[in-house]
């Protein structure tokens, strides 16, 4: 079998070993403490194993490429060409502004605004798709953390949050 990229394979194997160690170590924790490492570790382990499989069968990876915002894979070649030639200045500035907004307004406000901005300016998607994606992300963020885990996310300095 021919490997697509040895560097990627070695790095993925290293990450796989690291995640496996985290999973094994978390089994020694009490029931409530081990929940989060297992919830993150097991899916990460499975996805890394899938990535290793992709290194040996690159055509299999094409079956998993999904773009929910464009019809049936239209424009994949165009997006790859943009990724190779594009500047990193705008995405880095956008992430930096996300951190500032996060500090000022908190997770529940900053995350959907960041996603809305990113999808609109970087992804060049329609407003409807941007609002839909940002709304789904906000709903998941709220349901998982605020409702499901009863966890209070950072509210931002403007809304009474403290550092």
N, C-alpha and C. Protein backbone atom coordinates (compact mmCIF):
# COMPACT_ATOMS: atom_id res chain seq x y z
N UNK A 1 0.82 -1.19 0.00
CA UNK A 1 0.00 0.00 0.00
C UNK A 1 0.86 1.25 0.00
N UNK A 2 0.46 2.20 -0.79
CA UNK A 2 1.19 3.46 -0.87
C UNK A 2 0.51 4.49 0.03
N UNK A 3 1.34 5.17 0.80
CA UNK A 3 0.86 6.21 1.71
C UNK A 3 0.85 7.53 0.97
N UNK A 4 -0.23 8.30 1.15
CA UNK A 4 -0.36 9.57 0.48
C UNK A 4 0.70 10.56 0.96
N UNK A 5 0.88 10.67 2.26
CA UNK A 5 1.87 11.58 2.83
C UNK A 5 2.42 10.96 4.11
N UNK A 6 3.71 10.65 4.11
CA UNK A 6 4.31 10.03 5.30
C UNK A 6 4.32 10.99 6.48
N UNK A 7 4.59 12.26 6.22
CA UNK A 7 4.60 13.25 7.30
C UNK A 7 3.24 13.32 7.99
N UNK A 8 2.19 13.39 7.19
CA UNK A 8 0.84 13.44 7.74
C UNK A 8 0.53 12.17 8.51
N UNK A 9 0.93 11.05 7.97
CA UNK A 9 0.69 9.77 8.64
C UNK A 9 1.38 9.71 9.99
N UNK A 10 2.64 10.11 10.05
CA UNK A 10 3.39 10.08 11.31
C UNK A 10 2.79 11.04 12.33
N UNK A 11 2.43 12.22 11.87
CA UNK A 11 1.84 13.19 12.77
C UNK A 11 0.50 12.69 13.31
N UNK A 12 -0.31 12.10 12.45
CA UNK A 12 -1.61 11.57 12.87
C UNK A 12 -1.44 10.42 13.83
N UNK A 13 -0.45 9.57 13.60
CA UNK A 13 -0.17 8.47 14.53
C UNK A 13 0.26 9.00 15.89
N UNK A 14 1.05 10.07 15.88
CA UNK A 14 1.47 10.69 17.13
C UNK A 14 0.27 11.26 17.89
N UNK A 15 -0.61 11.95 17.18
CA UNK A 15 -1.82 12.47 17.81
C UNK A 15 -2.71 11.34 18.32
N UNK A 16 -2.81 10.27 17.54
CA UNK A 16 -3.62 9.11 17.93
C UNK A 16 -3.09 8.50 19.23
N UNK A 17 -1.78 8.38 19.34
CA UNK A 17 -1.18 7.84 20.57
C UNK A 17 -1.44 8.77 21.75
N UNK A 18 -1.33 10.07 21.53
CA UNK A 18 -1.58 11.05 22.58
C UNK A 18 -3.01 10.97 23.08
N UNK A 19 -3.96 10.91 22.16
CA UNK A 19 -5.38 10.82 22.54
C UNK A 19 -5.66 9.50 23.25
N UNK A 20 -5.04 8.42 22.80
CA UNK A 20 -5.22 7.12 23.44
C UNK A 20 -4.72 7.17 24.89
N UNK A 21 -3.61 7.83 25.11
CA UNK A 21 -3.08 7.99 26.48
C UNK A 21 -4.06 8.78 27.33
N UNK A 22 -4.63 9.83 26.78
CA UNK A 22 -5.61 10.63 27.53
C UNK A 22 -6.84 9.78 27.88
N UNK A 23 -7.31 8.99 26.92
CA UNK A 23 -8.48 8.14 27.16
C UNK A 23 -8.17 7.13 28.27
N UNK A 24 -7.02 6.48 28.18
CA UNK A 24 -6.65 5.47 29.19
C UNK A 24 -6.48 6.10 30.56
N UNK A 25 -5.82 7.26 30.61
CA UNK A 25 -5.63 7.94 31.90
C UNK A 25 -6.97 8.37 32.51
N UNK A 26 -7.90 8.81 31.67
CA UNK A 26 -9.17 9.30 32.19
C UNK A 26 -10.02 8.17 32.77
N UNK A 27 -9.75 6.93 32.38
CA UNK A 27 -10.51 5.81 32.94
C UNK A 27 -10.24 5.64 34.44
N UNK A 28 -9.14 6.17 34.92
CA UNK A 28 -8.81 6.10 36.35
C UNK A 28 -9.48 7.19 37.17
N UNK A 29 -10.12 8.17 36.53
CA UNK A 29 -10.77 9.25 37.25
C UNK A 29 -12.14 8.79 37.76
N UNK A 30 -12.72 9.59 38.67
CA UNK A 30 -14.07 9.26 39.12
C UNK A 30 -15.05 9.52 37.98
N UNK A 31 -16.28 9.07 38.17
CA UNK A 31 -17.28 9.05 37.09
C UNK A 31 -17.51 10.43 36.46
N UNK A 32 -17.67 11.45 37.27
CA UNK A 32 -17.96 12.78 36.74
C UNK A 32 -16.75 13.43 36.10
N UNK A 33 -15.57 13.18 36.63
CA UNK A 33 -14.36 13.80 36.11
C UNK A 33 -13.96 13.23 34.76
N UNK A 34 -14.17 11.94 34.55
CA UNK A 34 -13.74 11.32 33.31
C UNK A 34 -14.68 11.57 32.14
N UNK A 35 -15.86 12.13 32.41
CA UNK A 35 -16.84 12.33 31.35
C UNK A 35 -16.32 13.21 30.22
N UNK A 36 -15.76 14.36 30.54
CA UNK A 36 -15.32 15.29 29.49
C UNK A 36 -14.15 14.73 28.67
N UNK A 37 -13.09 14.16 29.29
CA UNK A 37 -12.03 13.60 28.45
C UNK A 37 -12.53 12.47 27.54
N UNK A 38 -13.49 11.70 28.01
CA UNK A 38 -14.01 10.62 27.17
C UNK A 38 -14.91 11.16 26.06
N UNK A 39 -15.71 12.19 26.38
CA UNK A 39 -16.58 12.77 25.35
C UNK A 39 -15.78 13.42 24.22
N UNK A 40 -14.64 13.95 24.57
CA UNK A 40 -13.79 14.56 23.55
C UNK A 40 -12.82 13.53 22.96
N UNK A 41 -12.27 12.68 23.80
CA UNK A 41 -11.23 11.75 23.37
C UNK A 41 -11.69 10.65 22.43
N UNK A 42 -12.83 10.04 22.71
CA UNK A 42 -13.28 8.91 21.88
C UNK A 42 -13.62 9.35 20.45
N UNK A 43 -14.43 10.41 20.25
CA UNK A 43 -14.67 10.84 18.86
C UNK A 43 -13.39 11.30 18.16
N UNK A 44 -12.49 11.97 18.90
CA UNK A 44 -11.23 12.40 18.31
C UNK A 44 -10.40 11.20 17.89
N UNK A 45 -10.35 10.17 18.72
CA UNK A 45 -9.62 8.94 18.39
C UNK A 45 -10.19 8.32 17.12
N UNK A 46 -11.52 8.23 17.03
CA UNK A 46 -12.15 7.63 15.85
C UNK A 46 -11.89 8.44 14.58
N UNK A 47 -11.95 9.77 14.69
CA UNK A 47 -11.68 10.61 13.52
C UNK A 47 -10.23 10.54 13.08
N UNK A 48 -9.30 10.44 14.04
CA UNK A 48 -7.89 10.28 13.69
C UNK A 48 -7.64 8.92 13.02
N UNK A 49 -8.31 7.88 13.51
CA UNK A 49 -8.20 6.57 12.87
C UNK A 49 -8.72 6.62 11.44
N UNK A 50 -9.80 7.36 11.24
CA UNK A 50 -10.34 7.54 9.89
C UNK A 50 -9.35 8.30 9.02
N UNK A 51 -8.69 9.29 9.59
CA UNK A 51 -7.69 10.06 8.84
C UNK A 51 -6.52 9.16 8.41
N UNK A 52 -6.12 8.24 9.27
CA UNK A 52 -5.06 7.29 8.91
C UNK A 52 -5.53 6.41 7.76
N UNK A 53 -6.78 5.98 7.80
CA UNK A 53 -7.33 5.18 6.71
C UNK A 53 -7.31 5.97 5.40
N UNK A 54 -7.59 7.28 5.47
CA UNK A 54 -7.56 8.13 4.28
C UNK A 54 -6.16 8.21 3.68
N UNK A 55 -5.14 8.09 4.50
CA UNK A 55 -3.77 8.14 3.99
C UNK A 55 -3.48 6.95 3.07
N UNK A 56 -4.10 5.83 3.34
CA UNK A 56 -3.89 4.64 2.52
C UNK A 56 -4.89 4.55 1.38
N UNK A 57 -6.07 5.12 1.55
CA UNK A 57 -7.12 5.10 0.52
C UNK A 57 -7.63 6.51 0.28
N UNK A 58 -6.90 7.32 -0.50
CA UNK A 58 -7.29 8.73 -0.69
C UNK A 58 -8.65 8.91 -1.36
N UNK A 59 -9.05 7.97 -2.20
CA UNK A 59 -10.35 8.10 -2.85
C UNK A 59 -11.50 7.98 -1.86
N UNK A 60 -11.26 7.28 -0.76
CA UNK A 60 -12.28 7.15 0.27
C UNK A 60 -12.57 8.51 0.92
N UNK A 61 -11.57 9.36 1.00
CA UNK A 61 -11.74 10.67 1.61
C UNK A 61 -12.73 11.52 0.82
N UNK A 62 -12.75 11.37 -0.49
CA UNK A 62 -13.68 12.15 -1.32
C UNK A 62 -15.14 11.86 -0.97
N UNK A 63 -15.42 10.66 -0.46
CA UNK A 63 -16.78 10.31 -0.09
C UNK A 63 -17.25 11.08 1.15
N UNK A 64 -16.29 11.58 1.95
CA UNK A 64 -16.63 12.27 3.18
C UNK A 64 -16.57 13.79 3.06
N UNK A 65 -16.18 14.31 1.90
CA UNK A 65 -16.13 15.76 1.73
C UNK A 65 -17.54 16.29 1.52
N UNK A 66 -17.94 17.17 2.42
CA UNK A 66 -19.30 17.71 2.39
C UNK A 66 -19.22 19.23 2.47
N UNK A 67 -19.96 19.87 1.59
CA UNK A 67 -20.09 21.31 1.65
C UNK A 67 -21.57 21.62 1.70
N UNK A 68 -22.07 21.97 2.88
CA UNK A 68 -23.51 22.15 3.04
C UNK A 68 -24.01 23.43 2.38
N UNK A 69 -23.09 24.28 1.94
CA UNK A 69 -23.50 25.55 1.38
C UNK A 69 -23.44 25.61 -0.14
N UNK A 70 -22.99 24.55 -0.79
CA UNK A 70 -22.97 24.58 -2.25
C UNK A 70 -23.53 23.27 -2.77
N UNK A 71 -24.15 23.30 -3.94
CA UNK A 71 -24.80 22.09 -4.46
C UNK A 71 -23.79 21.06 -4.95
N UNK A 72 -23.85 19.87 -4.42
CA UNK A 72 -23.12 18.68 -4.88
C UNK A 72 -21.66 18.92 -5.22
N UNK A 73 -20.93 19.57 -4.33
CA UNK A 73 -19.49 19.72 -4.49
C UNK A 73 -19.06 20.73 -5.54
N UNK A 74 -19.95 21.62 -5.94
CA UNK A 74 -19.58 22.61 -6.94
C UNK A 74 -18.54 23.56 -6.37
N UNK A 75 -17.51 23.80 -7.14
CA UNK A 75 -16.52 24.79 -6.76
C UNK A 75 -15.42 24.30 -5.85
N UNK A 76 -15.23 22.98 -5.69
CA UNK A 76 -14.16 22.48 -4.82
C UNK A 76 -12.79 22.87 -5.36
N UNK A 77 -12.61 22.78 -6.66
CA UNK A 77 -11.32 23.13 -7.25
C UNK A 77 -11.03 24.62 -7.08
N UNK A 78 -12.08 25.44 -7.19
CA UNK A 78 -11.91 26.88 -7.02
C UNK A 78 -11.50 27.20 -5.59
N UNK A 79 -12.13 26.54 -4.60
CA UNK A 79 -11.80 26.79 -3.20
C UNK A 79 -10.38 26.35 -2.89
N UNK A 80 -9.92 25.24 -3.45
CA UNK A 80 -8.56 24.76 -3.20
C UNK A 80 -7.54 25.72 -3.80
N UNK A 81 -7.85 26.28 -4.96
CA UNK A 81 -6.93 27.25 -5.58
C UNK A 81 -6.85 28.51 -4.73
N UNK A 82 -7.99 28.94 -4.16
CA UNK A 82 -7.99 30.11 -3.30
C UNK A 82 -7.20 29.86 -2.02
N UNK A 83 -7.31 28.63 -1.47
CA UNK A 83 -6.58 28.31 -0.25
C UNK A 83 -5.08 28.39 -0.46
N UNK A 84 -4.60 27.96 -1.64
CA UNK A 84 -3.17 27.96 -1.90
C UNK A 84 -2.64 29.37 -2.14
N UNK A 85 -3.44 30.22 -2.79
CA UNK A 85 -2.92 31.53 -3.16
C UNK A 85 -3.35 32.64 -2.19
N UNK A 86 -4.30 32.36 -1.30
CA UNK A 86 -4.86 33.40 -0.45
C UNK A 86 -3.92 33.83 0.66
N UNK A 87 -4.15 35.05 1.11
CA UNK A 87 -3.36 35.61 2.19
C UNK A 87 -3.98 35.20 3.53
N UNK A 88 -3.15 35.08 4.54
CA UNK A 88 -3.62 34.73 5.86
C UNK A 88 -3.95 35.96 6.70
N UNK A 89 -3.70 37.13 6.17
CA UNK A 89 -3.90 38.35 6.94
C UNK A 89 -5.35 38.52 7.39
N UNK A 90 -6.29 38.35 6.48
CA UNK A 90 -7.69 38.54 6.83
C UNK A 90 -8.18 37.50 7.84
N UNK A 91 -7.95 36.20 7.63
CA UNK A 91 -8.40 35.23 8.65
C UNK A 91 -7.77 35.45 10.02
N UNK A 92 -6.51 35.82 10.06
CA UNK A 92 -5.85 36.08 11.34
C UNK A 92 -6.47 37.31 12.01
N UNK A 93 -6.74 38.34 11.25
CA UNK A 93 -7.38 39.54 11.80
C UNK A 93 -8.79 39.22 12.30
N UNK A 94 -9.47 38.35 11.59
CA UNK A 94 -10.82 37.96 11.99
C UNK A 94 -10.79 37.17 13.30
N UNK A 95 -9.85 36.27 13.45
CA UNK A 95 -9.71 35.52 14.71
C UNK A 95 -9.33 36.44 15.85
N UNK A 96 -8.44 37.38 15.60
CA UNK A 96 -8.05 38.35 16.62
C UNK A 96 -9.25 39.18 17.05
N UNK A 97 -10.06 39.60 16.09
CA UNK A 97 -11.24 40.39 16.44
C UNK A 97 -12.25 39.53 17.20
N UNK A 98 -12.29 38.23 16.92
CA UNK A 98 -13.17 37.32 17.67
C UNK A 98 -12.76 37.29 19.14
N UNK A 99 -11.47 37.22 19.41
CA UNK A 99 -11.00 37.21 20.80
C UNK A 99 -11.35 38.51 21.52
N UNK A 100 -11.22 39.62 20.85
CA UNK A 100 -11.58 40.91 21.44
C UNK A 100 -13.08 40.95 21.72
N UNK A 101 -13.89 40.53 20.75
CA UNK A 101 -15.34 40.50 20.92
C UNK A 101 -15.73 39.52 22.02
N UNK A 102 -15.02 38.41 22.10
CA UNK A 102 -15.26 37.41 23.14
C UNK A 102 -15.02 38.02 24.52
N UNK A 103 -13.96 38.76 24.64
CA UNK A 103 -13.63 39.41 25.90
C UNK A 103 -14.70 40.44 26.28
N UNK A 104 -15.18 41.18 25.30
CA UNK A 104 -16.15 42.23 25.58
C UNK A 104 -17.59 41.72 25.71
N UNK A 105 -18.01 40.81 24.84
CA UNK A 105 -19.43 40.42 24.78
C UNK A 105 -19.71 38.99 25.22
N UNK A 106 -18.71 38.14 25.37
CA UNK A 106 -18.94 36.77 25.82
C UNK A 106 -19.16 35.80 24.67
N UNK A 107 -19.21 34.52 25.04
CA UNK A 107 -19.30 33.45 24.04
C UNK A 107 -20.61 33.47 23.25
N UNK A 108 -21.73 33.64 23.95
CA UNK A 108 -23.02 33.52 23.28
C UNK A 108 -23.31 34.65 22.30
N UNK A 109 -22.61 35.76 22.43
CA UNK A 109 -22.75 36.86 21.48
C UNK A 109 -21.64 36.82 20.44
N UNK A 110 -20.41 36.60 20.88
CA UNK A 110 -19.25 36.69 19.99
C UNK A 110 -19.20 35.56 18.96
N UNK A 111 -19.53 34.35 19.38
CA UNK A 111 -19.40 33.21 18.47
C UNK A 111 -20.33 33.31 17.26
N UNK A 112 -21.63 33.57 17.42
CA UNK A 112 -22.45 33.71 16.21
C UNK A 112 -22.07 34.91 15.35
N UNK A 113 -21.65 36.02 15.98
CA UNK A 113 -21.23 37.18 15.20
C UNK A 113 -19.96 36.88 14.39
N UNK A 114 -19.03 36.16 15.02
CA UNK A 114 -17.81 35.77 14.31
C UNK A 114 -18.16 34.86 13.13
N UNK A 115 -18.99 33.85 13.37
CA UNK A 115 -19.35 32.92 12.30
C UNK A 115 -20.09 33.63 11.17
N UNK A 116 -20.99 34.51 11.53
CA UNK A 116 -21.73 35.28 10.53
C UNK A 116 -20.77 36.08 9.66
N UNK A 117 -19.83 36.76 10.30
CA UNK A 117 -18.84 37.56 9.58
C UNK A 117 -17.93 36.69 8.72
N UNK A 118 -17.45 35.59 9.29
CA UNK A 118 -16.55 34.71 8.56
C UNK A 118 -17.22 34.10 7.34
N UNK A 119 -18.43 33.58 7.52
CA UNK A 119 -19.14 32.96 6.39
C UNK A 119 -19.47 33.98 5.31
N UNK A 120 -19.80 35.19 5.72
CA UNK A 120 -20.19 36.20 4.74
C UNK A 120 -18.97 36.75 3.98
N UNK A 121 -17.91 37.10 4.72
CA UNK A 121 -16.77 37.76 4.08
C UNK A 121 -15.77 36.76 3.49
N UNK A 122 -15.44 35.73 4.23
CA UNK A 122 -14.44 34.77 3.75
C UNK A 122 -15.09 33.71 2.86
N UNK A 123 -16.26 33.20 3.29
CA UNK A 123 -16.94 32.16 2.53
C UNK A 123 -17.77 32.69 1.38
N UNK A 124 -18.04 33.99 1.41
CA UNK A 124 -18.85 34.65 0.38
C UNK A 124 -20.21 33.96 0.17
N UNK A 125 -20.85 33.65 1.30
CA UNK A 125 -22.15 33.01 1.26
C UNK A 125 -23.26 34.03 1.37
N UNK A 126 -24.47 33.62 1.03
CA UNK A 126 -25.60 34.53 1.12
C UNK A 126 -25.92 34.82 2.58
N UNK A 127 -26.60 35.94 2.80
CA UNK A 127 -26.96 36.32 4.16
C UNK A 127 -27.81 35.26 4.83
N UNK A 128 -28.72 34.67 4.08
CA UNK A 128 -29.61 33.66 4.65
C UNK A 128 -28.83 32.45 5.15
N UNK A 129 -27.88 31.98 4.37
CA UNK A 129 -27.06 30.84 4.79
C UNK A 129 -26.19 31.21 5.98
N UNK A 130 -25.66 32.42 5.98
CA UNK A 130 -24.81 32.87 7.10
C UNK A 130 -25.61 32.95 8.39
N UNK A 131 -26.78 33.53 8.32
CA UNK A 131 -27.63 33.66 9.51
C UNK A 131 -28.06 32.29 10.00
N UNK A 132 -28.39 31.40 9.07
CA UNK A 132 -28.80 30.04 9.44
C UNK A 132 -27.66 29.31 10.15
N UNK A 133 -26.46 29.35 9.59
CA UNK A 133 -25.32 28.65 10.19
C UNK A 133 -24.96 29.24 11.55
N UNK A 134 -24.95 30.56 11.66
CA UNK A 134 -24.63 31.20 12.94
C UNK A 134 -25.71 30.90 13.98
N UNK A 135 -26.95 30.86 13.55
CA UNK A 135 -28.05 30.53 14.46
C UNK A 135 -27.97 29.10 14.97
N UNK A 136 -27.64 28.17 14.10
CA UNK A 136 -27.48 26.76 14.51
C UNK A 136 -26.32 26.64 15.49
N UNK A 137 -25.22 27.33 15.22
CA UNK A 137 -24.06 27.28 16.13
C UNK A 137 -24.42 27.86 17.49
N UNK A 138 -25.16 28.98 17.51
CA UNK A 138 -25.57 29.58 18.77
C UNK A 138 -26.48 28.63 19.54
N UNK A 139 -27.43 28.01 18.84
CA UNK A 139 -28.36 27.09 19.47
C UNK A 139 -27.62 25.90 20.08
N UNK A 140 -26.68 25.33 19.34
CA UNK A 140 -25.90 24.20 19.86
C UNK A 140 -25.06 24.63 21.07
N UNK A 141 -24.43 25.77 20.96
CA UNK A 141 -23.62 26.30 22.06
C UNK A 141 -24.47 26.48 23.31
N UNK A 142 -25.64 27.08 23.15
CA UNK A 142 -26.53 27.32 24.27
C UNK A 142 -27.07 26.01 24.85
N UNK A 143 -27.53 25.12 23.98
CA UNK A 143 -28.12 23.87 24.47
C UNK A 143 -27.09 22.97 25.15
N UNK A 144 -25.91 22.86 24.58
CA UNK A 144 -24.90 21.97 25.16
C UNK A 144 -24.39 22.51 26.49
N UNK A 145 -23.99 23.78 26.51
CA UNK A 145 -23.36 24.30 27.71
C UNK A 145 -24.36 24.83 28.74
N UNK A 146 -25.24 25.71 28.34
CA UNK A 146 -26.14 26.35 29.30
C UNK A 146 -27.25 25.41 29.78
N UNK A 147 -27.85 24.67 28.88
CA UNK A 147 -28.95 23.80 29.25
C UNK A 147 -28.46 22.40 29.64
N UNK A 148 -27.70 21.77 28.75
CA UNK A 148 -27.28 20.39 28.98
C UNK A 148 -26.33 20.21 30.15
N UNK A 149 -25.31 21.06 30.23
CA UNK A 149 -24.30 20.91 31.28
C UNK A 149 -24.48 21.88 32.42
N UNK A 150 -25.48 22.77 32.32
CA UNK A 150 -25.74 23.79 33.33
C UNK A 150 -24.46 24.56 33.66
N UNK A 151 -23.75 24.93 32.61
CA UNK A 151 -22.46 25.61 32.72
C UNK A 151 -22.63 27.04 32.26
N UNK A 152 -22.15 27.99 33.04
CA UNK A 152 -22.26 29.40 32.67
C UNK A 152 -21.02 29.78 31.86
N UNK A 153 -21.24 30.10 30.59
CA UNK A 153 -20.15 30.55 29.73
C UNK A 153 -19.77 31.99 30.09
N UNK A 154 -18.55 32.36 29.75
CA UNK A 154 -18.10 33.72 30.02
C UNK A 154 -19.05 34.71 29.35
N UNK A 155 -19.54 35.67 30.13
CA UNK A 155 -20.57 36.59 29.67
C UNK A 155 -20.02 37.85 29.01
N UNK A 156 -18.75 38.08 29.10
CA UNK A 156 -18.17 39.29 28.54
C UNK A 156 -18.14 40.41 29.54
N UNK A 157 -17.15 41.28 29.41
CA UNK A 157 -16.98 42.39 30.35
C UNK A 157 -18.15 43.38 30.30
N UNK A 158 -18.75 43.53 29.12
CA UNK A 158 -19.87 44.46 28.98
C UNK A 158 -21.14 43.96 29.66
N UNK A 159 -21.24 42.65 29.87
CA UNK A 159 -22.44 42.06 30.45
C UNK A 159 -22.21 41.50 31.85
N UNK A 160 -21.19 42.01 32.53
CA UNK A 160 -20.96 41.63 33.92
C UNK A 160 -19.97 40.50 34.13
N UNK A 161 -19.32 40.04 33.10
CA UNK A 161 -18.33 38.98 33.25
C UNK A 161 -17.06 39.51 33.89
N UNK A 162 -16.37 38.65 34.62
CA UNK A 162 -15.13 39.05 35.28
C UNK A 162 -14.00 38.16 34.80
N UNK A 163 -12.82 38.75 34.70
CA UNK A 163 -11.64 37.97 34.29
C UNK A 163 -11.03 37.28 35.47
